[in-house]
Amino acid sequence: MARESSHRILYLAAFCTAISIAVATAVLLAWYAEWPRIIQPLPQSGFMAFNTALSLLFLGIATILLLTGYRRGAIIPPALLSLATLAEYLFDANIGMDEFFVRAYVTHPTAAPGRSAPNTSVAIFLGCVTIVNYAIFRRHVAQLIFSQMLAVAILTAAVSAMVGHAIRLEPLAGWYGLTHMAPHT
């Protein structure tokens, strides 16, 4: 019974990872093809920054590598991108990484053109910590509980942003008037 339950969790993780990779890939392609409806599906909502889509793609790849038995993977790029974005917000700086890959042509009131939302960056970094924690300590019950707590924090950030978009309550979709988390993030 417990083994069947763990298989269901792995299948759910693989399914969610596949969706994340598909959405991230679609958004990355949309940035290059200049399809703004994919990047920003709701006109009044935030858009998915290129770096956000890139980070989600790397998180998905890291999750697949973890699920297939590899402990090293693609976790460093999203961790560095999310930490650099948070540092840009914290120090009110612009180090140029927001438009390093593509010019931000989708407009929305943001701290800088093309910058990921701070709540998105926090969620991505927590996702990185969760993957590293699980890869290293997956046999320790306390660390598994810690990974689950991080997953709940990520889910809370995502659901609060979705609810904020749905009822048009700005503080839930974005933090303190900064860039909003995109609905499809």
N, C-alpha and C. Protein backbone atom coordinates (compact mmCIF):
# COMPACT_ATOMS: atom_id res chain seq x y z
N MET A 1 0.82 -1.20 0.00
CA MET A 1 0.00 0.00 0.00
C MET A 1 0.87 1.26 0.00
N ALA A 2 1.90 1.30 0.86
CA ALA A 2 2.78 2.47 0.92
C ALA A 2 3.56 2.62 -0.38
N ARG A 3 3.96 1.49 -0.95
CA ARG A 3 4.72 1.52 -2.20
C ARG A 3 3.84 2.06 -3.34
N GLU A 4 2.58 1.66 -3.36
CA GLU A 4 1.65 2.16 -4.38
C GLU A 4 1.44 3.66 -4.23
N SER A 5 1.37 4.12 -3.00
CA SER A 5 1.21 5.55 -2.72
C SER A 5 2.42 6.34 -3.19
N SER A 6 3.64 5.80 -2.97
CA SER A 6 4.84 6.51 -3.40
C SER A 6 4.92 6.55 -4.92
N HIS A 7 4.43 5.51 -5.59
CA HIS A 7 4.40 5.52 -7.05
C HIS A 7 3.44 6.58 -7.57
N ARG A 8 2.33 6.75 -6.91
CA ARG A 8 1.37 7.79 -7.32
C ARG A 8 1.98 9.17 -7.18
N ILE A 9 2.72 9.39 -6.11
CA ILE A 9 3.38 10.68 -5.90
C ILE A 9 4.41 10.93 -7.00
N LEU A 10 5.17 9.90 -7.35
CA LEU A 10 6.15 10.05 -8.43
C LEU A 10 5.49 10.34 -9.76
N TYR A 11 4.37 9.67 -10.05
CA TYR A 11 3.64 9.93 -11.29
C TYR A 11 3.08 11.35 -11.29
N LEU A 12 2.58 11.80 -10.16
CA LEU A 12 2.07 13.17 -10.05
C LEU A 12 3.20 14.17 -10.25
N ALA A 13 4.34 13.92 -9.66
CA ALA A 13 5.50 14.80 -9.84
C ALA A 13 5.93 14.83 -11.30
N ALA A 14 5.95 13.68 -11.95
CA ALA A 14 6.34 13.63 -13.37
C ALA A 14 5.32 14.37 -14.24
N PHE A 15 4.04 14.22 -13.94
CA PHE A 15 2.99 14.89 -14.69
C PHE A 15 3.09 16.41 -14.54
N CYS A 16 3.24 16.88 -13.30
CA CYS A 16 3.37 18.32 -13.05
C CYS A 16 4.64 18.88 -13.69
N THR A 17 5.70 18.11 -13.67
CA THR A 17 6.96 18.52 -14.29
C THR A 17 6.78 18.65 -15.80
N ALA A 18 6.08 17.70 -16.41
CA ALA A 18 5.84 17.76 -17.85
C ALA A 18 5.04 19.00 -18.22
N ILE A 19 4.03 19.33 -17.43
CA ILE A 19 3.24 20.53 -17.68
C ILE A 19 4.12 21.77 -17.55
N SER A 20 4.93 21.83 -16.51
CA SER A 20 5.81 22.96 -16.28
C SER A 20 6.79 23.15 -17.45
N ILE A 21 7.36 22.06 -17.92
CA ILE A 21 8.29 22.12 -19.04
C ILE A 21 7.58 22.58 -20.31
N ALA A 22 6.37 22.08 -20.54
CA ALA A 22 5.61 22.47 -21.73
C ALA A 22 5.27 23.96 -21.70
N VAL A 23 4.79 24.46 -20.57
CA VAL A 23 4.45 25.88 -20.46
C VAL A 23 5.71 26.73 -20.61
N ALA A 24 6.79 26.35 -19.94
CA ALA A 24 8.04 27.11 -20.03
C ALA A 24 8.55 27.14 -21.47
N THR A 25 8.51 26.02 -22.14
CA THR A 25 8.97 25.96 -23.53
C THR A 25 8.10 26.83 -24.43
N ALA A 26 6.78 26.79 -24.24
CA ALA A 26 5.87 27.62 -25.03
C ALA A 26 6.17 29.10 -24.82
N VAL A 27 6.42 29.49 -23.58
CA VAL A 27 6.70 30.90 -23.29
C VAL A 27 8.05 31.31 -23.87
N LEU A 28 9.06 30.46 -23.76
CA LEU A 28 10.36 30.78 -24.35
C LEU A 28 10.23 30.98 -25.86
N LEU A 29 9.51 30.08 -26.51
CA LEU A 29 9.29 30.22 -27.96
C LEU A 29 8.49 31.48 -28.26
N ALA A 30 7.51 31.79 -27.42
CA ALA A 30 6.69 32.99 -27.63
C ALA A 30 7.50 34.27 -27.52
N TRP A 31 8.49 34.29 -26.64
CA TRP A 31 9.35 35.48 -26.54
C TRP A 31 10.10 35.70 -27.85
N TYR A 32 10.62 34.63 -28.44
CA TYR A 32 11.36 34.78 -29.69
C TYR A 32 10.45 35.03 -30.88
N ALA A 33 9.26 34.43 -30.88
CA ALA A 33 8.32 34.59 -31.98
C ALA A 33 7.45 35.85 -31.83
N GLU A 34 7.57 36.51 -30.69
CA GLU A 34 6.79 37.71 -30.37
C GLU A 34 5.28 37.44 -30.40
N TRP A 35 4.87 36.46 -29.59
CA TRP A 35 3.47 36.11 -29.39
C TRP A 35 3.07 36.56 -27.98
N PRO A 36 2.66 37.80 -27.81
CA PRO A 36 2.40 38.33 -26.47
C PRO A 36 1.24 37.65 -25.72
N ARG A 37 0.27 37.06 -26.43
CA ARG A 37 -0.86 36.41 -25.75
C ARG A 37 -0.43 35.18 -24.97
N ILE A 38 0.68 34.57 -25.34
CA ILE A 38 1.18 33.43 -24.58
C ILE A 38 2.01 33.93 -23.40
N ILE A 39 2.73 35.01 -23.60
CA ILE A 39 3.58 35.56 -22.55
C ILE A 39 2.73 36.23 -21.46
N GLN A 40 1.68 36.91 -21.88
CA GLN A 40 0.78 37.62 -20.96
C GLN A 40 -0.66 37.27 -21.35
N PRO A 41 -1.19 36.15 -20.84
CA PRO A 41 -2.51 35.69 -21.30
C PRO A 41 -3.67 36.60 -20.91
N LEU A 42 -3.55 37.33 -19.82
CA LEU A 42 -4.58 38.27 -19.41
C LEU A 42 -4.01 39.68 -19.47
N PRO A 43 -4.66 40.58 -20.19
CA PRO A 43 -4.08 41.92 -20.38
C PRO A 43 -3.79 42.67 -19.07
N GLN A 44 -4.59 42.49 -18.06
CA GLN A 44 -4.39 43.21 -16.80
C GLN A 44 -3.43 42.49 -15.85
N SER A 45 -2.96 41.31 -16.25
CA SER A 45 -2.10 40.52 -15.37
C SER A 45 -0.63 40.75 -15.70
N GLY A 46 0.20 40.15 -14.88
CA GLY A 46 1.63 40.19 -15.16
C GLY A 46 1.97 39.25 -16.31
N PHE A 47 3.18 39.37 -16.80
CA PHE A 47 3.64 38.50 -17.88
C PHE A 47 4.70 37.56 -17.33
N MET A 48 4.91 36.44 -18.04
CA MET A 48 5.98 35.54 -17.62
C MET A 48 7.27 36.02 -18.27
N ALA A 49 8.21 36.45 -17.44
CA ALA A 49 9.48 36.93 -17.95
C ALA A 49 10.25 35.78 -18.60
N PHE A 50 11.11 36.11 -19.53
CA PHE A 50 11.93 35.10 -20.20
C PHE A 50 12.73 34.31 -19.19
N ASN A 51 13.35 35.01 -18.23
CA ASN A 51 14.17 34.33 -17.22
C ASN A 51 13.33 33.41 -16.33
N THR A 52 12.06 33.77 -16.10
CA THR A 52 11.18 32.89 -15.34
C THR A 52 10.94 31.60 -16.11
N ALA A 53 10.62 31.73 -17.39
CA ALA A 53 10.39 30.53 -18.21
C ALA A 53 11.65 29.68 -18.29
N LEU A 54 12.79 30.33 -18.43
CA LEU A 54 14.06 29.60 -18.47
C LEU A 54 14.31 28.86 -17.15
N SER A 55 14.04 29.53 -16.05
CA SER A 55 14.21 28.90 -14.73
C SER A 55 13.26 27.72 -14.56
N LEU A 56 12.00 27.88 -14.99
CA LEU A 56 11.05 26.78 -14.87
C LEU A 56 11.47 25.59 -15.73
N LEU A 57 12.02 25.88 -16.92
CA LEU A 57 12.52 24.79 -17.77
C LEU A 57 13.66 24.05 -17.07
N PHE A 58 14.61 24.79 -16.49
CA PHE A 58 15.72 24.15 -15.79
C PHE A 58 15.24 23.41 -14.54
N LEU A 59 14.26 23.96 -13.83
CA LEU A 59 13.70 23.25 -12.68
C LEU A 59 13.05 21.93 -13.12
N GLY A 60 12.34 21.98 -14.23
CA GLY A 60 11.73 20.76 -14.76
C GLY A 60 12.76 19.72 -15.14
N ILE A 61 13.82 20.16 -15.80
CA ILE A 61 14.90 19.24 -16.17
C ILE A 61 15.55 18.66 -14.92
N ALA A 62 15.80 19.50 -13.91
CA ALA A 62 16.40 19.02 -12.66
C ALA A 62 15.49 18.00 -11.98
N THR A 63 14.19 18.23 -12.02
CA THR A 63 13.24 17.29 -11.40
C THR A 63 13.26 15.95 -12.14
N ILE A 64 13.26 16.01 -13.47
CA ILE A 64 13.33 14.76 -14.24
C ILE A 64 14.62 14.01 -13.94
N LEU A 65 15.73 14.74 -13.89
CA LEU A 65 17.00 14.09 -13.56
C LEU A 65 16.94 13.44 -12.18
N LEU A 66 16.31 14.13 -11.24
CA LEU A 66 16.19 13.58 -9.89
C LEU A 66 15.30 12.34 -9.88
N LEU A 67 14.18 12.40 -10.61
CA LEU A 67 13.26 11.26 -10.65
C LEU A 67 13.86 10.05 -11.36
N THR A 68 14.82 10.29 -12.25
CA THR A 68 15.44 9.18 -12.97
C THR A 68 16.75 8.72 -12.32
N GLY A 69 17.06 9.26 -11.15
CA GLY A 69 18.19 8.75 -10.40
C GLY A 69 19.45 9.60 -10.42
N TYR A 70 19.47 10.65 -11.21
CA TYR A 70 20.65 11.51 -11.22
C TYR A 70 20.53 12.57 -10.14
N ARG A 71 21.58 12.78 -9.39
CA ARG A 71 21.52 13.73 -8.30
C ARG A 71 22.09 15.09 -8.67
N ARG A 72 22.82 15.13 -9.73
CA ARG A 72 23.33 16.41 -10.19
C ARG A 72 22.49 16.81 -11.39
N GLY A 73 22.29 18.09 -11.54
CA GLY A 73 21.46 18.48 -12.66
C GLY A 73 21.49 19.96 -12.94
N ALA A 74 20.40 20.40 -13.42
CA ALA A 74 20.28 21.76 -13.93
C ALA A 74 19.75 22.73 -12.88
N ILE A 75 20.12 22.55 -11.63
CA ILE A 75 19.55 23.37 -10.56
C ILE A 75 20.28 24.70 -10.38
N ILE A 76 21.52 24.81 -10.81
CA ILE A 76 22.30 26.02 -10.57
C ILE A 76 21.75 27.23 -11.34
N PRO A 77 21.43 27.13 -12.65
CA PRO A 77 20.93 28.33 -13.35
C PRO A 77 19.68 28.95 -12.72
N PRO A 78 18.63 28.17 -12.41
CA PRO A 78 17.47 28.84 -11.82
C PRO A 78 17.75 29.42 -10.43
N ALA A 79 18.61 28.75 -9.66
CA ALA A 79 18.95 29.28 -8.34
C ALA A 79 19.67 30.62 -8.48
N LEU A 80 20.63 30.69 -9.39
CA LEU A 80 21.37 31.94 -9.59
C LEU A 80 20.48 33.04 -10.16
N LEU A 81 19.63 32.70 -11.12
CA LEU A 81 18.72 33.71 -11.69
C LEU A 81 17.76 34.26 -10.64
N SER A 82 17.20 33.38 -9.83
CA SER A 82 16.25 33.85 -8.81
C SER A 82 16.94 34.68 -7.74
N LEU A 83 18.12 34.25 -7.31
CA LEU A 83 18.86 35.04 -6.30
C LEU A 83 19.30 36.39 -6.86
N ALA A 84 19.73 36.42 -8.11
CA ALA A 84 20.15 37.69 -8.72
C ALA A 84 18.95 38.63 -8.86
N THR A 85 17.79 38.10 -9.24
CA THR A 85 16.59 38.93 -9.34
C THR A 85 16.20 39.49 -7.98
N LEU A 86 16.25 38.66 -6.95
CA LEU A 86 15.93 39.14 -5.60
C LEU A 86 16.94 40.20 -5.15
N ALA A 87 18.20 40.03 -5.51
CA ALA A 87 19.21 41.03 -5.17
C ALA A 87 18.93 42.34 -5.90
N GLU A 88 18.48 42.25 -7.15
CA GLU A 88 18.13 43.47 -7.90
C GLU A 88 17.00 44.23 -7.19
N TYR A 89 16.00 43.50 -6.72
CA TYR A 89 14.91 44.15 -5.98
C TYR A 89 15.42 44.72 -4.66
N LEU A 90 16.18 43.94 -3.94
CA LEU A 90 16.65 44.34 -2.62
C LEU A 90 17.53 45.59 -2.68
N PHE A 91 18.42 45.65 -3.65
CA PHE A 91 19.37 46.76 -3.74
C PHE A 91 18.95 47.81 -4.78
N ASP A 92 17.73 47.67 -5.32
CA ASP A 92 17.21 48.61 -6.32
C ASP A 92 18.25 48.81 -7.43
N ALA A 93 18.72 47.71 -7.98
CA ALA A 93 19.77 47.72 -8.99
C ALA A 93 19.27 47.06 -10.27
N ASN A 94 20.01 47.27 -11.33
CA ASN A 94 19.73 46.60 -12.59
C ASN A 94 21.06 46.13 -13.16
N ILE A 95 21.29 44.82 -13.11
CA ILE A 95 22.57 44.29 -13.59
C ILE A 95 22.48 43.84 -15.05
N GLY A 96 21.34 44.07 -15.68
CA GLY A 96 21.20 43.80 -17.10
C GLY A 96 20.78 42.39 -17.48
N MET A 97 20.50 41.56 -16.51
CA MET A 97 20.15 40.18 -16.84
C MET A 97 18.69 40.04 -17.28
N ASP A 98 17.86 41.04 -16.99
CA ASP A 98 16.44 40.94 -17.31
C ASP A 98 16.19 40.92 -18.81
N GLU A 99 17.04 41.57 -19.56
CA GLU A 99 16.92 41.59 -21.02
C GLU A 99 18.18 41.03 -21.69
N PHE A 100 18.86 40.17 -21.01
CA PHE A 100 20.09 39.59 -21.55
C PHE A 100 19.81 38.72 -22.78
N PHE A 101 18.76 37.90 -22.72
CA PHE A 101 18.45 36.97 -23.79
C PHE A 101 17.51 37.55 -24.84
N VAL A 102 16.52 38.31 -24.39
CA VAL A 102 15.55 38.93 -25.31
C VAL A 102 15.19 40.32 -24.79
N ARG A 103 14.80 41.18 -25.72
CA ARG A 103 14.31 42.51 -25.35
C ARG A 103 12.87 42.35 -24.86
N ALA A 104 12.55 42.99 -23.75
CA ALA A 104 11.20 42.89 -23.17
C ALA A 104 10.26 43.82 -23.93
N TYR A 105 9.42 43.25 -24.78
CA TYR A 105 8.47 44.05 -25.56
C TYR A 105 7.07 43.99 -24.99
N VAL A 106 6.82 43.13 -24.02
CA VAL A 106 5.53 43.06 -23.35
C VAL A 106 5.58 44.04 -22.19
N THR A 107 4.58 44.89 -22.10
CA THR A 107 4.61 45.94 -21.08
C THR A 107 3.64 45.66 -19.95
N HIS A 108 4.07 46.00 -18.80
CA HIS A 108 3.28 45.94 -17.57
C HIS A 108 4.08 46.73 -16.56
N PRO A 109 3.41 47.44 -15.66
CA PRO A 109 4.19 48.22 -14.69
C PRO A 109 5.10 47.31 -13.86
N THR A 110 6.38 47.45 -14.08
CA THR A 110 7.35 46.61 -13.39
C THR A 110 8.50 47.45 -12.88
N ALA A 111 9.32 46.85 -12.06
CA ALA A 111 10.51 47.53 -11.54
C ALA A 111 11.50 47.78 -12.67
N ALA A 112 11.62 46.86 -13.58
CA ALA A 112 12.51 46.99 -14.74
C ALA A 112 11.93 46.14 -15.86
N PRO A 113 12.09 46.55 -17.10
CA PRO A 113 11.55 45.74 -18.20
C PRO A 113 12.12 44.33 -18.21
N GLY A 114 11.23 43.35 -18.28
CA GLY A 114 11.65 41.96 -18.36
C GLY A 114 11.99 41.28 -17.05
N ARG A 115 11.84 41.99 -15.94
CA ARG A 115 12.22 41.41 -14.65
C ARG A 115 11.13 40.48 -14.12
N SER A 116 11.56 39.35 -13.60
CA SER A 116 10.64 38.40 -12.95
C SER A 116 10.06 39.02 -11.69
N ALA A 117 8.89 38.57 -11.31
CA ALA A 117 8.26 39.06 -10.09
C ALA A 117 9.03 38.54 -8.87
N PRO A 118 9.06 39.31 -7.78
CA PRO A 118 9.80 38.83 -6.61
C PRO A 118 9.18 37.57 -6.00
N ASN A 119 7.84 37.47 -5.99
CA ASN A 119 7.24 36.26 -5.45
C ASN A 119 7.54 35.05 -6.34
N THR A 120 7.67 35.28 -7.64
CA THR A 120 8.08 34.20 -8.55
C THR A 120 9.51 33.77 -8.24
N SER A 121 10.39 34.75 -8.05
CA SER A 121 11.80 34.44 -7.76
C SER A 121 11.95 33.68 -6.45
N VAL A 122 11.17 34.07 -5.45
CA VAL A 122 11.21 33.35 -4.17
C VAL A 122 10.73 31.92 -4.37
N ALA A 123 9.63 31.74 -5.09
CA ALA A 123 9.10 30.40 -5.32
C ALA A 123 10.09 29.53 -6.10
N ILE A 124 10.74 30.10 -7.11
CA ILE A 124 11.72 29.34 -7.88
C ILE A 124 12.91 28.95 -7.00
N PHE A 125 13.38 29.89 -6.19
CA PHE A 125 14.50 29.56 -5.31
C PHE A 125 14.10 28.47 -4.30
N LEU A 126 12.89 28.56 -3.74
CA LEU A 126 12.42 27.52 -2.83
C LEU A 126 12.31 26.18 -3.55
N GLY A 127 11.92 26.21 -4.82
CA GLY A 127 11.89 24.98 -5.61
C GLY A 127 13.28 24.38 -5.76
N CYS A 128 14.27 25.23 -5.97
CA CYS A 128 15.66 24.76 -6.06
C CYS A 128 16.11 24.13 -4.75
N VAL A 129 15.80 24.80 -3.64
CA VAL A 129 16.17 24.28 -2.32
C VAL A 129 15.47 22.93 -2.07
N THR A 130 14.21 22.84 -2.48
CA THR A 130 13.46 21.60 -2.30
C THR A 130 14.11 20.46 -3.07
N ILE A 131 14.48 20.71 -4.32
CA ILE A 131 15.10 19.66 -5.14
C ILE A 131 16.45 19.24 -4.56
N VAL A 132 17.27 20.20 -4.16
CA VAL A 132 18.57 19.87 -3.57
C VAL A 132 18.38 19.10 -2.26
N ASN A 133 17.46 19.57 -1.43
CA ASN A 133 17.19 18.91 -0.15
C ASN A 133 16.74 17.47 -0.38
N TYR A 134 15.84 17.26 -1.32
CA TYR A 134 15.35 15.91 -1.58
C TYR A 134 16.46 15.03 -2.16
N ALA A 135 17.27 15.60 -3.05
CA ALA A 135 18.34 14.81 -3.68
C ALA A 135 19.37 14.34 -2.66
N ILE A 136 19.65 15.17 -1.68
CA ILE A 136 20.69 14.84 -0.71
C ILE A 136 20.15 14.02 0.46
N PHE A 137 18.97 14.40 0.95
CA PHE A 137 18.47 13.82 2.21
C PHE A 137 17.17 13.03 2.05
N ARG A 138 16.92 12.42 0.92
CA ARG A 138 15.61 11.81 0.72
C ARG A 138 15.32 10.61 1.60
N ARG A 139 16.29 10.10 2.29
CA ARG A 139 16.06 8.96 3.18
C ARG A 139 15.82 9.40 4.63
N HIS A 140 15.92 10.66 4.92
CA HIS A 140 15.72 11.17 6.27
C HIS A 140 14.33 11.78 6.38
N VAL A 141 13.56 11.31 7.32
CA VAL A 141 12.17 11.74 7.47
C VAL A 141 12.07 13.23 7.74
N ALA A 142 12.93 13.77 8.60
CA ALA A 142 12.87 15.20 8.92
C ALA A 142 13.11 16.05 7.68
N GLN A 143 14.03 15.63 6.83
CA GLN A 143 14.31 16.40 5.62
C GLN A 143 13.18 16.27 4.60
N LEU A 144 12.53 15.12 4.56
CA LEU A 144 11.37 14.97 3.68
C LEU A 144 10.24 15.89 4.13
N ILE A 145 10.06 16.01 5.43
CA ILE A 145 9.04 16.92 5.96
C ILE A 145 9.40 18.36 5.61
N PHE A 146 10.69 18.70 5.70
CA PHE A 146 11.15 20.03 5.32
C PHE A 146 10.86 20.30 3.83
N SER A 147 11.13 19.31 2.98
CA SER A 147 10.83 19.46 1.54
C SER A 147 9.33 19.66 1.32
N GLN A 148 8.52 18.95 2.07
CA GLN A 148 7.07 19.11 1.94
C GLN A 148 6.62 20.49 2.40
N MET A 149 7.24 21.00 3.45
CA MET A 149 6.92 22.35 3.92
C MET A 149 7.29 23.40 2.87
N LEU A 150 8.43 23.22 2.23
CA LEU A 150 8.82 24.13 1.15
C LEU A 150 7.84 24.05 -0.01
N ALA A 151 7.41 22.84 -0.34
CA ALA A 151 6.44 22.67 -1.42
C ALA A 151 5.12 23.37 -1.09
N VAL A 152 4.70 23.30 0.16
CA VAL A 152 3.48 24.00 0.59
C VAL A 152 3.66 25.51 0.48
N ALA A 153 4.84 26.02 0.82
CA ALA A 153 5.11 27.46 0.69
C ALA A 153 5.05 27.89 -0.77
N ILE A 154 5.59 27.08 -1.67
CA ILE A 154 5.55 27.39 -3.10
C ILE A 154 4.11 27.38 -3.59
N LEU A 155 3.36 26.36 -3.19
CA LEU A 155 1.96 26.25 -3.58
C LEU A 155 1.15 27.43 -3.05
N THR A 156 1.43 27.86 -1.84
CA THR A 156 0.73 29.00 -1.25
C THR A 156 0.99 30.28 -2.06
N ALA A 157 2.25 30.50 -2.46
CA ALA A 157 2.58 31.67 -3.28
C ALA A 157 1.83 31.62 -4.61
N ALA A 158 1.79 30.45 -5.23
CA ALA A 158 1.13 30.31 -6.53
C ALA A 158 -0.38 30.50 -6.41
N VAL A 159 -0.99 29.86 -5.42
CA VAL A 159 -2.43 29.96 -5.25
C VAL A 159 -2.84 31.38 -4.87
N SER A 160 -2.07 32.04 -4.01
CA SER A 160 -2.44 33.42 -3.64
C SER A 160 -2.35 34.33 -4.86
N ALA A 161 -1.36 34.14 -5.74
CA ALA A 161 -1.28 34.94 -6.96
C ALA A 161 -2.46 34.64 -7.88
N MET A 162 -2.83 33.36 -8.01
CA MET A 162 -3.97 33.00 -8.86
C MET A 162 -5.26 33.62 -8.33
N VAL A 163 -5.45 33.56 -7.02
CA VAL A 163 -6.64 34.16 -6.42
C VAL A 163 -6.61 35.68 -6.62
N GLY A 164 -5.43 36.29 -6.46
CA GLY A 164 -5.29 37.73 -6.69
C GLY A 164 -5.68 38.12 -8.10
N HIS A 165 -5.28 37.32 -9.08
CA HIS A 165 -5.67 37.60 -10.47
C HIS A 165 -7.16 37.39 -10.67
N ALA A 166 -7.70 36.33 -10.07
CA ALA A 166 -9.11 36.00 -10.27
C ALA A 166 -10.05 37.07 -9.69
N ILE A 167 -9.72 37.58 -8.51
CA ILE A 167 -10.61 38.56 -7.88
C ILE A 167 -10.07 39.98 -8.00
N ARG A 168 -9.00 40.12 -8.77
CA ARG A 168 -8.37 41.42 -9.03
C ARG A 168 -7.97 42.14 -7.74
N LEU A 169 -7.34 41.38 -6.88
CA LEU A 169 -6.81 41.91 -5.63
C LEU A 169 -5.29 41.98 -5.79
N GLU A 170 -4.81 43.17 -6.14
CA GLU A 170 -3.42 43.37 -6.54
C GLU A 170 -2.38 42.88 -5.53
N PRO A 171 -2.55 43.11 -4.23
CA PRO A 171 -1.50 42.65 -3.29
C PRO A 171 -1.26 41.14 -3.29
N LEU A 172 -2.24 40.36 -3.72
CA LEU A 172 -2.04 38.92 -3.79
C LEU A 172 -1.27 38.50 -5.04
N ALA A 173 -1.44 39.24 -6.13
CA ALA A 173 -0.78 38.89 -7.39
C ALA A 173 0.67 39.36 -7.42
N GLY A 174 0.96 40.43 -6.70
CA GLY A 174 2.31 40.96 -6.68
C GLY A 174 2.61 41.55 -5.31
N TRP A 175 3.86 41.77 -5.02
CA TRP A 175 4.25 42.28 -3.72
C TRP A 175 4.53 43.76 -3.78
N TYR A 176 3.82 44.53 -2.98
CA TYR A 176 4.11 45.94 -2.76
C TYR A 176 4.21 46.74 -4.05
N GLY A 177 3.32 46.49 -4.99
CA GLY A 177 3.31 47.24 -6.22
C GLY A 177 4.42 46.87 -7.19
N LEU A 178 5.14 45.80 -6.92
CA LEU A 178 6.19 45.37 -7.83
C LEU A 178 5.58 44.49 -8.91
N THR A 179 6.40 43.89 -9.72
CA THR A 179 5.94 43.03 -10.80
C THR A 179 5.04 41.93 -10.26
N HIS A 180 3.96 41.64 -10.99
CA HIS A 180 3.03 40.58 -10.58
C HIS A 180 3.48 39.23 -11.11
N MET A 181 3.16 38.21 -10.34
CA MET A 181 3.40 36.86 -10.82
C MET A 181 2.40 36.59 -11.95
N ALA A 182 2.88 36.07 -13.05
CA ALA A 182 2.01 35.76 -14.19
C ALA A 182 1.08 34.62 -13.82
N PRO A 183 -0.15 34.63 -14.35
CA PRO A 183 -1.09 33.56 -13.99
C PRO A 183 -0.61 32.17 -14.38
N HIS A 184 0.15 32.04 -15.44
CA HIS A 184 0.59 30.71 -15.87
C HIS A 184 1.95 30.33 -15.30
N THR A 185 2.47 31.11 -14.37
CA THR A 185 3.71 30.75 -13.70
C THR A 185 3.39 29.76 -12.61
